[in-house]
Protein backbone atom coordinates (compact mmCIF):
# COMPACT_ATOMS: atom_id res chain seq x y z
CA MET A 1 -10.05 -35.23 -12.67
CA LYS A 2 -11.31 -35.17 -9.11
CA LYS A 3 -14.77 -33.67 -8.92
CA ILE A 4 -14.93 -30.35 -7.10
CA LYS A 5 -17.81 -29.72 -4.72
CA PRO A 6 -18.14 -26.00 -3.97
CA HIS A 7 -19.73 -24.92 -0.73
CA PRO A 8 -23.47 -24.47 -1.39
CA SER A 9 -23.36 -20.80 -0.33
CA LEU A 10 -20.66 -19.89 -2.87
CA PRO A 11 -21.51 -18.52 -6.33
CA LYS A 12 -20.95 -21.01 -9.11
CA LEU A 13 -19.77 -21.01 -12.72
CA ASN A 14 -22.06 -22.56 -15.30
CA ASP A 15 -19.24 -24.84 -16.47
CA SER A 16 -16.23 -24.65 -14.15
CA SER A 17 -14.44 -27.47 -15.98
CA SER A 18 -14.56 -25.57 -19.28
CA PHE A 19 -13.44 -22.42 -17.48
CA ARG A 20 -10.33 -24.17 -16.17
CA ASP A 21 -9.59 -25.68 -19.58
CA GLU A 22 -9.83 -22.29 -21.32
CA LEU A 23 -7.68 -20.60 -18.71
CA LEU A 24 -4.97 -23.27 -18.78
CA ASN A 25 -4.92 -23.37 -22.58
CA TRP A 26 -4.46 -19.59 -22.65
CA TYR A 27 -1.74 -19.76 -19.98
CA ASP A 28 0.13 -22.51 -21.82
CA HIS A 29 0.39 -20.39 -24.95
CA ASN A 30 0.62 -16.85 -23.57
CA HIS A 31 2.39 -16.80 -20.22
CA ARG A 32 5.33 -14.50 -19.73
CA ILE A 33 8.80 -16.03 -19.75
CA LEU A 34 10.08 -15.30 -16.24
CA PRO A 35 13.32 -16.56 -14.65
CA TRP A 36 11.58 -18.38 -11.81
CA ARG A 37 9.48 -20.27 -14.33
CA SER A 38 12.49 -21.37 -16.39
CA GLU A 39 14.02 -24.47 -14.78
CA PRO A 40 11.86 -23.94 -11.68
CA THR A 41 13.01 -25.04 -8.24
CA LEU A 42 11.46 -24.76 -4.81
CA TYR A 43 14.06 -22.11 -3.90
CA LYS A 44 13.29 -19.98 -6.98
CA THR A 45 9.56 -20.19 -6.30
CA VAL A 46 9.96 -19.14 -2.68
CA LEU A 47 12.33 -16.31 -3.59
CA SER A 48 10.08 -14.97 -6.36
CA GLU A 49 7.02 -14.97 -4.10
CA PHE A 50 8.89 -13.08 -1.36
CA MET A 51 10.18 -10.51 -3.86
CA LEU A 52 6.83 -10.07 -5.59
CA GLN A 53 4.98 -9.08 -2.43
CA GLN A 54 3.72 -5.53 -3.10
CA THR A 55 6.32 -5.19 -5.87
CA ARG A 56 5.93 -5.19 -9.65
CA VAL A 57 7.41 -7.95 -11.81
CA SER A 58 9.38 -5.39 -13.85
CA THR A 59 11.02 -4.13 -10.64
CA VAL A 60 11.78 -7.62 -9.35
CA LEU A 61 13.43 -9.03 -12.49
CA PRO A 62 16.93 -7.47 -12.16
CA TYR A 63 16.97 -8.11 -8.41
CA PHE A 64 16.03 -11.75 -8.88
CA ASP A 65 18.80 -12.34 -11.42
CA ASN A 66 21.43 -10.65 -9.26
CA TRP A 67 20.24 -12.49 -6.16
CA ILE A 68 20.48 -15.90 -7.85
CA LYS A 69 24.06 -15.12 -8.88
CA LYS A 70 24.96 -14.28 -5.27
CA PHE A 71 22.81 -16.86 -3.50
CA PRO A 72 21.86 -19.66 -5.96
CA ASP A 73 20.21 -21.91 -3.37
CA PHE A 74 19.05 -22.18 0.24
CA ASP A 75 22.52 -23.30 1.42
CA GLU A 76 24.34 -20.29 -0.03
CA LEU A 77 21.74 -17.91 1.35
CA ALA A 78 21.82 -19.51 4.80
CA ASN A 79 25.60 -19.13 4.94
CA ALA A 80 25.51 -15.42 4.00
CA SER A 81 25.68 -12.72 6.64
CA GLU A 82 22.63 -10.57 7.32
CA GLU A 83 24.59 -7.57 6.07
CA GLN A 84 25.20 -9.31 2.72
CA VAL A 85 21.53 -10.27 2.45
CA ILE A 86 20.26 -6.77 3.20
CA LYS A 87 22.77 -5.26 0.77
CA ALA A 88 21.56 -7.56 -2.02
CA TRP A 89 17.96 -6.52 -1.25
CA GLU A 90 18.73 -2.79 -1.31
CA GLY A 91 16.13 -0.81 -3.26
CA LEU A 92 13.33 -3.41 -3.11
CA GLY A 93 12.00 -2.03 0.18
CA TYR A 94 10.05 -3.88 2.86
CA TYR A 95 13.34 -5.25 4.23
CA SER A 96 11.62 -7.63 6.63
CA ARG A 97 11.14 -9.83 3.55
CA ALA A 98 14.92 -10.16 3.16
CA ARG A 99 15.42 -11.01 6.81
CA ASN A 100 12.60 -13.54 6.74
CA ILE A 101 13.81 -15.40 3.66
CA HIS A 102 17.26 -15.47 5.24
CA LYS A 103 15.75 -17.09 8.35
CA LEU A 104 13.73 -19.48 6.18
CA ALA A 105 16.88 -20.52 4.29
CA LYS A 106 18.58 -21.47 7.55
CA ILE A 107 15.58 -23.62 8.43
CA ALA A 108 15.51 -25.15 4.94
CA THR A 109 19.07 -26.46 5.32
CA THR A 110 17.80 -28.71 8.12
CA TRP A 111 15.03 -30.33 6.04
CA GLU A 112 15.26 -33.93 4.92
CA THR A 113 12.24 -33.16 2.76
CA PRO A 114 10.38 -29.82 2.49
CA PRO A 115 7.08 -29.45 4.34
CA ASP A 116 4.23 -30.35 2.01
CA THR A 117 1.20 -28.79 3.67
CA ILE A 118 0.00 -25.22 3.68
CA LYS A 119 -0.32 -25.42 7.46
CA GLU A 120 3.38 -26.23 7.88
CA TRP A 121 4.48 -23.57 5.41
CA LYS A 122 2.53 -20.89 7.29
CA LYS A 123 4.69 -21.58 10.35
CA LEU A 124 7.81 -20.42 8.50
CA PRO A 125 9.19 -16.84 8.74
CA GLY A 126 7.42 -14.39 6.47
CA VAL A 127 5.06 -16.99 4.99
CA GLY A 128 1.36 -16.10 5.05
CA PRO A 129 -1.62 -17.78 3.36
CA TYR A 130 -0.78 -16.46 -0.11
CA ILE A 131 2.88 -17.53 -0.23
CA ALA A 132 2.02 -20.86 1.40
CA ALA A 133 -0.60 -21.59 -1.27
CA ALA A 134 1.64 -20.41 -4.11
CA VAL A 135 4.63 -22.51 -3.03
CA THR A 136 2.70 -25.68 -2.22
CA SER A 137 0.73 -25.54 -5.48
CA ILE A 138 3.54 -24.52 -7.85
CA SER A 139 6.42 -26.53 -6.39
CA LEU A 140 4.63 -29.40 -4.63
CA GLY A 141 1.51 -29.89 -6.74
CA LYS A 142 -0.96 -29.33 -3.91
CA ALA A 143 -4.44 -28.06 -4.82
CA GLU A 144 -4.23 -24.90 -2.72
CA ALA A 145 -5.71 -21.75 -4.27
CA VAL A 146 -3.97 -18.39 -4.01
CA CYS A 147 -5.96 -15.24 -3.37
CA ASP A 148 -4.17 -11.89 -3.62
CA GLY A 149 -5.22 -8.52 -5.00
CA ASN A 150 -5.15 -9.80 -8.58
CA LEU A 151 -7.35 -12.76 -7.70
CA VAL A 152 -9.80 -10.54 -5.79
CA ARG A 153 -10.19 -8.44 -8.92
CA VAL A 154 -10.58 -11.43 -11.26
CA LEU A 155 -13.03 -13.30 -9.01
CA SER A 156 -15.13 -10.21 -8.25
CA ARG A 157 -15.55 -9.50 -11.95
CA LEU A 158 -15.95 -13.12 -12.96
CA PHE A 159 -18.83 -13.66 -10.52
CA GLY A 160 -20.11 -10.06 -10.43
CA ILE A 161 -19.76 -9.89 -6.65
CA ASP A 162 -21.53 -6.79 -5.29
CA GLU A 163 -20.32 -7.02 -1.70
CA GLU A 164 -18.26 -4.05 -0.55
CA TYR A 165 -15.16 -4.86 1.47
CA LYS A 166 -13.53 -2.53 3.98
CA ASP A 167 -10.04 -3.31 2.61
CA GLY A 168 -8.08 -5.66 0.39
CA ALA A 169 -7.13 -8.04 3.19
CA THR A 170 -10.79 -8.57 4.08
CA ALA A 171 -11.65 -9.22 0.43
CA GLN A 172 -8.85 -11.79 0.11
CA LYS A 173 -9.96 -13.63 3.22
CA LYS A 174 -13.61 -13.72 2.17
CA LEU A 175 -12.94 -14.74 -1.43
CA GLN A 176 -10.33 -17.43 -0.69
CA PRO A 177 -12.98 -20.20 -0.31
CA LEU A 178 -14.38 -19.20 -3.70
CA ALA A 179 -10.92 -19.38 -5.24
CA GLN A 180 -10.45 -22.80 -3.67
CA SER A 181 -13.78 -24.07 -5.04
CA ILE A 182 -12.74 -23.66 -8.67
CA ILE A 183 -9.04 -24.58 -8.59
CA ASP A 184 -7.83 -27.21 -11.04
CA GLN A 185 -6.99 -30.36 -9.10
CA ASP A 186 -4.63 -31.81 -11.71
CA ARG A 187 -2.58 -28.68 -12.47
CA PRO A 188 -3.01 -26.42 -9.44
CA GLY A 189 0.31 -24.61 -9.85
CA ASP A 190 -0.31 -23.73 -13.49
CA TYR A 191 -3.90 -22.81 -12.68
CA ASN A 192 -2.83 -20.42 -9.90
CA GLN A 193 -0.20 -18.87 -12.15
CA GLY A 194 -2.78 -18.61 -14.93
CA MET A 195 -5.16 -16.69 -12.67
CA MET A 196 -2.34 -14.42 -11.51
CA GLU A 197 -1.21 -13.91 -15.10
CA LEU A 198 -4.76 -13.08 -16.15
CA GLY A 199 -5.02 -10.42 -13.45
CA ALA A 200 -1.62 -8.95 -14.25
CA THR A 201 -1.81 -8.83 -18.05
CA VAL A 202 -5.51 -8.76 -19.05
CA CYS A 203 -7.84 -8.04 -16.15
CA HIS A 204 -6.23 -4.70 -15.28
CA ARG A 205 -7.52 -2.50 -12.48
CA HIS A 206 -8.21 0.24 -15.02
CA SER A 207 -9.12 -0.34 -18.69
CA PRO A 208 -9.27 -4.14 -18.54
CA LEU A 209 -8.78 -5.89 -21.87
CA CYS A 210 -12.12 -7.69 -21.78
CA MET A 211 -12.27 -8.33 -25.53
CA SER A 212 -8.94 -10.18 -25.26
CA CYS A 213 -9.90 -12.17 -22.19
CA PRO A 214 -9.74 -15.95 -22.68
CA VAL A 215 -12.56 -16.50 -20.17
CA LEU A 216 -14.87 -13.65 -21.24
CA ASN A 217 -17.68 -16.11 -21.91
CA PHE A 218 -17.70 -17.01 -18.20
CA CYS A 219 -17.36 -13.45 -16.85
CA ARG A 220 -20.51 -11.70 -15.66
CA SER A 221 -19.08 -8.18 -15.46
CA GLY A 222 -17.20 -8.62 -18.73
CA LYS A 223 -20.45 -9.41 -20.51
CA THR A 224 -22.28 -6.44 -18.97
CA GLY A 225 -19.39 -4.02 -19.59
CA ASP A 226 -19.01 -2.84 -16.00
CA ALA A 227 -15.79 -4.66 -15.05
CA GLU A 228 -14.18 -1.49 -13.71
CA ASP A 229 -16.90 -1.30 -11.04
CA PHE A 230 -15.38 -4.39 -9.41
CA PRO A 231 -14.08 -5.19 -6.89
CA ARG A 232 -15.97 -2.97 -4.46
CA ILE A 233 -13.39 -2.00 -1.84
CA GLN A 234 -13.70 1.06 0.35
CA LYS A 235 -11.08 3.63 -0.59
CA LYS A 236 -8.65 4.63 2.12
CA LYS A 237 -8.30 8.33 2.71
CA LYS A 238 -4.91 9.54 1.55
CA LYS A 239 -2.59 10.80 4.26
CA LYS A 240 0.08 13.45 3.78
CA LYS A 241 3.36 13.62 5.62
CA ASN A 242 6.01 16.32 5.43
CA ILE A 243 9.60 15.38 6.26
CA GLN A 244 12.62 17.65 6.59
CA ARG A 245 15.96 16.00 5.78
CA TYR A 246 19.50 17.29 5.90
CA TRP A 247 22.42 17.13 3.51
CA VAL A 248 25.36 17.65 5.85
CA GLU A 249 28.64 17.69 3.94
CA SER A 250 31.91 18.06 5.80
CA THR A 251 34.99 20.10 4.88
CA LYS A 252 36.55 16.78 3.81
CA GLY A 253 33.67 16.04 1.40
CA LEU A 254 32.04 13.39 3.61
CA LEU A 255 28.26 13.03 3.79
CA LEU A 256 26.39 12.44 7.05
CA CYS A 257 23.92 9.55 6.96
CA MET A 258 21.65 8.18 9.67
CA GLY A 259 20.98 4.53 10.42
CA MET A 260 17.39 3.40 10.84
CA ASN A 261 16.51 2.01 14.27
CA SER A 262 15.18 -1.41 15.22
CA LYS A 263 11.65 -0.05 15.76
CA ASN A 264 11.49 0.51 11.99
CA LYS A 265 13.10 -2.90 11.37
CA LEU A 266 15.83 -1.33 9.26
CA MET A 267 18.97 -1.87 11.32
CA GLY A 268 22.07 -1.58 9.14
CA ILE A 269 20.29 0.56 6.55
CA PHE A 270 21.12 4.24 6.16
CA GLU A 271 19.47 7.35 4.73
CA LEU A 272 19.72 11.11 4.78
CA PRO A 273 18.95 12.16 8.37
CA ASP A 274 15.55 13.59 9.26
CA HIS A 275 16.94 14.88 12.55
CA LEU A 276 20.43 15.78 13.71
CA PRO A 277 22.46 15.25 16.86
CA THR A 278 22.44 18.19 19.28
CA SER A 279 26.10 18.87 18.51
CA VAL A 280 25.29 19.41 14.81
CA ASN A 281 22.24 21.55 15.55
CA ILE A 282 24.42 23.87 17.64
CA ALA A 283 27.20 24.00 15.09
CA PHE A 284 25.45 25.26 11.94
CA ASP A 285 24.01 28.71 11.46
CA ARG A 286 22.63 28.54 7.98
CA HIS A 287 21.16 26.03 5.56
CA GLN A 288 19.54 26.13 2.13
CA LEU A 289 16.82 24.13 0.41
CA LEU A 290 18.63 21.70 -1.87
CA ALA A 291 15.73 19.63 -3.26
CA THR A 292 12.13 18.55 -2.75
CA LYS A 293 11.23 14.90 -3.29
CA LYS A 294 7.76 13.39 -3.47
CA ARG A 295 6.84 9.73 -3.18
CA THR A 296 3.93 7.53 -2.15
CA ILE A 297 4.08 4.49 0.11
CA GLY A 298 0.75 2.73 0.59
CA ASN A 299 -1.84 5.41 1.22
CA VAL A 300 0.66 8.01 2.45
CA ASP A 301 2.00 10.81 0.23
CA TYR A 302 5.40 11.99 1.41
CA ASN A 303 6.76 15.45 0.72
CA GLU A 304 10.43 15.51 1.69
CA LYS A 305 12.49 18.69 1.70
CA ILE A 306 16.26 18.26 1.77
CA PHE A 307 18.29 21.15 3.25
CA ARG A 308 22.02 21.57 2.67
CA ILE A 309 24.51 22.34 5.41
CA SER A 310 27.88 22.87 3.76
CA ASN A 311 31.53 23.01 4.89
CA PHE A 312 30.77 21.45 8.21
CA ASN A 313 33.82 20.69 10.40
CA GLU A 314 33.35 17.18 11.76
CA THR A 315 36.53 17.16 13.86
CA ASN A 316 36.04 15.98 17.46
CA LEU A 317 32.29 15.84 16.94
CA ASN A 318 30.40 13.21 18.94
CA LEU A 319 27.63 11.98 16.63
CA GLY A 320 26.66 8.74 18.33
CA GLU A 321 26.58 5.25 16.83
CA ASN A 322 23.44 5.91 14.75
CA TYR A 323 25.27 8.28 12.38
CA ARG A 324 28.04 7.68 9.89
CA TRP A 325 30.22 9.87 7.69
CA ILE A 326 30.33 8.39 4.17
CA SER A 327 32.66 9.25 1.30
CA ARG A 328 31.71 9.04 -2.35
CA GLN A 329 34.23 6.26 -2.83
CA LYS A 330 32.65 4.09 -0.12
CA LEU A 331 29.01 4.83 -0.95
CA GLU A 332 28.63 1.49 -2.74
CA ASN A 333 29.61 -0.34 0.44
CA VAL A 334 26.71 1.13 2.42
CA THR A 335 23.11 -0.11 2.24
CA LEU A 336 20.75 2.81 1.66
CA SER A 337 17.01 2.91 2.25
CA GLY A 338 14.40 3.33 -0.50
CA PRO A 339 15.29 6.01 -3.07
CA HIS A 340 18.14 7.50 -1.03
CA ARG A 341 20.93 6.08 -3.22
CA LYS A 342 19.37 7.71 -6.27
CA TRP A 343 18.87 10.98 -4.39
CA ILE A 344 22.41 11.05 -3.03
CA THR A 345 23.98 10.19 -6.39
CA GLU A 346 21.93 12.96 -8.01
CA LEU A 347 22.48 15.60 -5.32
CA TRP A 348 26.21 15.06 -5.03
CA LYS A 349 26.43 16.47 -8.54
CA VAL A 350 24.67 19.73 -7.59
CA PRO A 351 27.19 22.62 -7.44
CA LYS A 352 27.72 24.11 -3.98
């Protein structure tokens, strides 16, 4: 094994070689069986990393399986329309990921061989330092360390790092050299996955399973019992946002939906409108509260009230291209944003 020489200013493990051996041994015998790890390919690795950005594994699993059936490789994905790609991504959120992997697939079809450096991967659509390191280490065997939120937590506890960071991105950037200094040179992909697996299944944000940790003997905070005090990241103040939406149902039983605009990067994706065309505002004289929905995105708590406007006559009404009347029968053909499909399916059952 190539000898690793950490930067002199970085904290050090007493026996980094033994640490790597213990971690890899644990990973070999305890890792989760995931579809992108079974018969792995470069395409599956790239797809999984795009899907897993800010999204739980349990949420990703059914989407990954369905996606592979529709688009089994870069060529099939590249040949799909953007509408088909966005439709397959519906419900995962952060739709820029879908558009970026679609762009990346088109580029991939031109490769004679895939790029093999982290620098080249970071030039590709939607690929930042984390995905570049994950892909090059897992699929190409390059000793490039990943550093995401899980790794920040594991490293901060492992080394007992007291520094307070203003946010997660700052912590990742500052701790990446430390992650790089202890990566396994012979099995970098398995090592990175082992660290990620450790953070996801053992080194939890709350109530970490320290007594079950395979590297407890190396962990400073685990030994002192204060693991939950790490990492030290300033908490963002929660924001609250109230949104008023409208359930406009026509006399023919059609539902009015609004397309998101390009500023929000959600072209071709629809949801219940949060504002109405002037013609609709003039036309209705009463509405009732149909439902209240609460959800959290990032550090924003949304409180969304949905008001019903019933028996609306849509004849000769100029709505503009951003609105669409949708029937129950054709609902499946429309891509809906976030939880709106669930809301609409649920609310269509509410008696008038």
